[in-house]
Amino acid sequence: MKNKSMNKTFFAALLLFSPAAFAQKATVLQSLKKYNVSEEVLNTNLRANLEKYSHEVQRTVTVNDKDKVYISTFDPKKQDPPQWTLVSVNGKSPSGSEQKAFTKEHDTRTDFKIDENSLKVAKDDGSQLEITYQYDPTSLDKEHGFLKDCLYTLHINAKTGKLEKMTEVNLKDLRIKILKVTKMTTLVNYRYIEQDKVYVPTDSNIELVIRMLGNELPMITSEKYTIK
């Protein structure tokens, strides 16, 4: 019985590294090469490229048709933290709790990895190249574990060879801390800075539908990134 159990475990391990999984990644890389697309598009943290530049972020959180606008700035020339500054909330100086939440968010560093078994060419019609993937659950921290149940799509202009946007959609209901989320969609638009050979986001939009006490509450968070 012990040998049979070990054989099953060994067979399961082989499946994780099956030729089909390697073939899927190879197909994706071949598609990128065909359109002269940099593999940098597979970097899951392109937003970090913004930190090469002084920039401003305008975040608008909308709940029940009421907006809350946060203005923050980043200065890479500051030698000592914090390089981030929360300038205002709805045009006023931030409260202590708002500053604390902002500092905690920007002190958190993530390094999410793509599950290479999930990489797939979803569309390739000579005009648009779409690549889908999910995150490797082992790369997610406890706070972001729900992201394993989301599907990401890279939308690439095959004629220019440039990434235009990334979209995300949940595949099942999500539990985000104490909240049950029935819908989560994300759109991030990018531009390519030719001089520095990097992608940076220009704007993003995250839409959540939260189920609470039998009701559904929509929440939208949009951000605009302006390099100074």
Protein backbone atom coordinates (compact mmCIF):
# COMPACT_ATOMS: atom_id res chain seq x y z
CA MET A 1 0.00 0.00 0.00
CA LYS A 2 2.86 2.37 0.82
CA ASN A 3 4.44 1.90 -2.61
CA LYS A 4 1.12 2.57 -4.32
CA SER A 5 0.69 5.75 -2.32
CA MET A 6 4.20 6.92 -3.25
CA ASN A 7 3.54 6.10 -6.90
CA LYS A 8 0.37 8.20 -6.87
CA THR A 9 2.23 11.12 -5.31
CA PHE A 10 5.00 10.85 -7.88
CA PHE A 11 2.47 10.70 -10.71
CA ALA A 12 0.66 13.79 -9.39
CA ALA A 13 3.97 15.67 -9.27
CA LEU A 14 4.67 14.70 -12.86
CA LEU A 15 1.32 16.17 -13.90
CA LEU A 16 2.28 19.53 -12.43
CA PHE A 17 5.26 19.62 -14.76
CA SER A 18 3.57 18.05 -17.74
CA PRO A 19 4.74 18.71 -21.30
CA ALA A 20 1.37 20.36 -21.96
CA ALA A 21 2.08 23.06 -19.35
CA PHE A 22 5.51 23.75 -20.82
CA ALA A 23 3.97 23.79 -24.31
CA GLN A 24 1.44 26.44 -23.24
CA LYS A 25 4.16 28.76 -21.98
CA ALA A 26 6.23 28.13 -25.12
CA THR A 27 3.23 29.02 -27.28
CA VAL A 28 2.78 32.29 -25.38
CA LEU A 29 6.46 33.20 -25.73
CA GLN A 30 6.40 32.34 -29.44
CA SER A 31 3.35 34.59 -29.92
CA LEU A 32 5.12 37.47 -28.18
CA LYS A 33 8.18 36.95 -30.34
CA LYS A 34 6.08 36.82 -33.51
CA TYR A 35 4.83 40.36 -32.91
CA ASN A 36 8.10 41.63 -31.40
CA VAL A 37 6.49 42.06 -27.98
CA SER A 38 8.82 42.32 -24.99
CA GLU A 39 8.42 39.60 -22.36
CA GLU A 40 8.26 42.51 -19.91
CA VAL A 41 4.49 42.48 -20.49
CA LEU A 42 4.41 39.34 -18.30
CA ASN A 43 5.69 41.40 -15.36
CA THR A 44 2.76 41.44 -12.92
CA ASN A 45 3.93 44.65 -11.23
CA LEU A 46 4.32 47.14 -14.08
CA ARG A 47 2.91 49.80 -11.79
CA ALA A 48 6.22 49.79 -9.91
CA ASN A 49 7.80 51.36 -13.01
CA LEU A 50 6.04 54.60 -12.06
CA GLU A 51 8.42 54.85 -9.11
CA LYS A 52 11.22 55.72 -11.52
CA TYR A 53 9.50 59.11 -11.89
CA SER A 54 8.00 61.87 -9.79
CA HIS A 55 4.27 61.45 -10.22
CA GLU A 56 0.85 62.22 -8.83
CA VAL A 57 -2.00 59.81 -8.20
CA GLN A 58 -5.62 60.92 -8.11
CA ARG A 59 -7.77 58.19 -6.59
CA THR A 60 -11.55 58.46 -6.58
CA VAL A 61 -13.58 56.00 -4.51
CA THR A 62 -17.29 55.99 -5.32
CA VAL A 63 -19.87 54.36 -3.02
CA ASN A 64 -23.60 55.07 -3.28
CA ASP A 65 -22.88 57.79 -5.85
CA LYS A 66 -20.69 59.64 -3.35
CA ASP A 67 -17.06 60.34 -4.28
CA LYS A 68 -14.04 60.52 -2.03
CA VAL A 69 -10.97 61.91 -3.80
CA TYR A 70 -7.43 61.26 -2.61
CA ILE A 71 -4.44 63.14 -4.04
CA SER A 72 -0.99 61.69 -3.39
CA THR A 73 2.50 62.23 -4.78
CA PHE A 74 5.65 60.17 -5.12
CA ASP A 75 9.16 61.64 -5.19
CA PRO A 76 11.95 59.18 -6.08
CA LYS A 77 14.59 61.80 -5.22
CA LYS A 78 13.83 61.57 -1.52
CA GLN A 79 16.63 59.53 0.00
CA ASP A 80 14.71 58.48 3.07
CA PRO A 81 11.15 57.18 3.37
CA PRO A 82 8.44 58.16 3.11
CA GLN A 83 8.74 58.93 -0.60
CA TRP A 84 4.94 58.87 -0.76
CA THR A 85 2.89 61.83 0.49
CA LEU A 86 -0.87 61.89 0.98
CA VAL A 87 -1.58 65.49 0.01
CA SER A 88 -5.33 65.76 0.49
CA VAL A 89 -8.64 63.95 0.88
CA ASN A 90 -11.59 65.75 -0.68
CA GLY A 91 -9.48 68.90 -0.82
CA LYS A 92 -8.64 68.87 2.90
CA SER A 93 -5.67 67.71 4.93
CA PRO A 94 -5.93 63.96 5.65
CA SER A 95 -7.09 62.80 9.06
CA GLY A 96 -4.91 60.65 11.28
CA SER A 97 -6.79 57.47 10.34
CA GLU A 98 -6.60 58.31 6.62
CA GLN A 99 -2.86 58.91 6.88
CA LYS A 100 -2.38 55.65 8.80
CA ALA A 101 -4.29 53.64 6.19
CA PHE A 102 -2.34 55.32 3.38
CA THR A 103 1.02 54.60 5.03
CA LYS A 104 0.11 50.95 5.63
CA GLU A 105 -0.97 50.49 2.01
CA HIS A 106 2.21 52.01 0.58
CA ASP A 107 4.50 50.17 3.00
CA THR A 108 3.16 46.86 1.67
CA ARG A 109 5.30 45.29 -1.06
CA THR A 110 3.92 42.47 -3.18
CA ASP A 111 5.61 40.07 -5.57
CA PHE A 112 2.84 38.06 -7.19
CA LYS A 113 3.90 35.40 -9.69
CA ILE A 114 2.10 34.03 -12.72
CA ASP A 115 1.05 30.39 -12.54
CA GLU A 116 2.83 29.24 -15.69
CA ASN A 117 0.40 26.32 -16.01
CA SER A 118 -2.37 28.88 -16.57
CA LEU A 119 -0.65 30.88 -19.34
CA LYS A 120 -2.66 30.74 -22.54
CA VAL A 121 -3.08 32.54 -25.86
CA ALA A 122 -6.78 33.41 -25.81
CA LYS A 123 -6.82 35.38 -29.07
CA ASP A 124 -4.47 35.93 -31.98
CA ASP A 125 -6.10 37.33 -35.10
CA GLY A 126 -3.17 39.34 -36.43
CA SER A 127 -4.63 42.53 -35.04
CA GLN A 128 -4.99 41.77 -31.35
CA LEU A 129 -3.08 39.32 -29.19
CA GLU A 130 -4.70 38.36 -25.89
CA ILE A 131 -2.89 36.35 -23.24
CA THR A 132 -4.63 35.07 -20.13
CA TYR A 133 -3.22 33.84 -16.85
CA GLN A 134 -3.90 33.39 -13.15
CA TYR A 135 -1.65 33.98 -10.18
CA ASP A 136 0.36 31.24 -8.54
CA PRO A 137 -1.47 30.85 -5.19
CA THR A 138 1.83 30.21 -3.37
CA SER A 139 3.03 33.72 -4.28
CA LEU A 140 0.02 35.45 -2.71
CA ASP A 141 0.11 36.72 0.85
CA LYS A 142 -2.81 36.12 3.20
CA GLU A 143 -4.36 39.51 2.49
CA HIS A 144 -4.44 38.90 -1.28
CA GLY A 145 -5.27 35.18 -1.33
CA PHE A 146 -8.59 35.90 -3.07
CA LEU A 147 -6.72 36.89 -6.25
CA LYS A 148 -6.13 33.21 -7.04
CA ASP A 149 -9.76 33.10 -8.21
CA CYS A 150 -9.34 35.87 -10.78
CA LEU A 151 -8.45 35.68 -14.47
CA TYR A 152 -6.15 38.28 -16.03
CA THR A 153 -5.98 39.19 -19.71
CA LEU A 154 -3.23 41.15 -21.42
CA HIS A 155 -4.52 43.04 -24.48
CA ILE A 156 -1.68 43.62 -26.95
CA ASN A 157 -1.81 45.53 -30.23
CA ALA A 158 -0.25 43.03 -32.64
CA LYS A 159 0.48 45.74 -35.21
CA THR A 160 2.51 47.93 -32.84
CA GLY A 161 3.75 45.13 -30.59
CA LYS A 162 2.71 47.12 -27.51
CA LEU A 163 0.63 46.26 -24.47
CA GLU A 164 -2.45 48.49 -24.37
CA LYS A 165 -4.35 47.30 -21.31
CA MET A 166 -4.88 44.58 -18.73
CA THR A 167 -8.28 43.38 -17.58
CA GLU A 168 -9.23 41.20 -14.64
CA VAL A 169 -12.44 39.36 -13.76
CA ASN A 170 -13.34 37.13 -10.83
CA LEU A 171 -14.21 33.52 -11.63
CA LYS A 172 -16.22 32.94 -8.45
CA ASP A 173 -17.48 34.88 -5.44
CA LEU A 174 -14.59 36.32 -3.44
CA ARG A 175 -13.99 36.81 0.26
CA ILE A 176 -12.01 40.01 0.81
CA LYS A 177 -11.38 40.26 4.53
CA ILE A 178 -14.93 40.27 5.95
CA LEU A 179 -16.60 41.23 2.67
CA LYS A 180 -18.29 38.89 0.21
CA VAL A 181 -17.67 40.20 -3.30
CA THR A 182 -19.84 38.85 -6.12
CA LYS A 183 -18.17 40.87 -8.87
CA MET A 184 -14.71 42.31 -9.32
CA THR A 185 -13.54 43.72 -12.63
CA THR A 186 -10.36 45.68 -13.26
CA LEU A 187 -9.11 47.70 -16.21
CA VAL A 188 -5.59 49.15 -16.35
CA ASN A 189 -4.46 51.16 -19.38
CA TYR A 190 -0.76 51.43 -20.20
CA ARG A 191 1.60 53.54 -22.25
CA TYR A 192 5.12 52.72 -23.32
CA ILE A 193 7.90 55.21 -22.60
CA GLU A 194 10.22 54.60 -25.51
CA GLN A 195 13.17 56.49 -24.03
CA ASP A 196 13.29 54.28 -20.94
CA LYS A 197 11.87 51.11 -22.52
CA VAL A 198 9.24 50.69 -19.81
CA TYR A 199 5.49 50.39 -19.50
CA VAL A 200 3.64 52.57 -17.00
CA PRO A 201 -0.09 52.69 -16.20
CA THR A 202 -1.98 55.82 -17.19
CA ASP A 203 -5.23 55.04 -15.37
CA SER A 204 -7.10 52.19 -13.73
CA ASN A 205 -10.64 51.29 -12.71
CA ILE A 206 -11.74 48.62 -10.24
CA GLU A 207 -15.41 47.82 -9.82
CA LEU A 208 -16.64 45.72 -6.91
CA VAL A 209 -20.11 44.50 -6.07
CA ILE A 210 -20.29 43.73 -2.35
CA ARG A 211 -23.09 41.58 -0.94
CA MET A 212 -24.13 42.87 2.47
CA LEU A 213 -27.22 41.96 4.47
CA GLY A 214 -28.93 40.62 1.35
CA ASN A 215 -28.20 43.76 -0.65
CA GLU A 216 -25.59 44.43 -3.32
CA LEU A 217 -23.43 47.52 -2.89
CA PRO A 218 -21.36 48.75 -5.85
CA MET A 219 -17.97 50.32 -5.17
CA ILE A 220 -15.72 51.85 -7.83
CA THR A 221 -12.10 52.87 -7.36
CA SER A 222 -10.50 54.78 -10.21
CA GLU A 223 -6.98 56.14 -10.39
CA LYS A 224 -5.17 58.52 -12.73
CA TYR A 225 -1.37 58.58 -12.82
CA THR A 226 0.38 61.75 -13.94
CA ILE A 227 4.15 61.83 -14.41
CA LYS A 228 5.54 65.26 -13.57
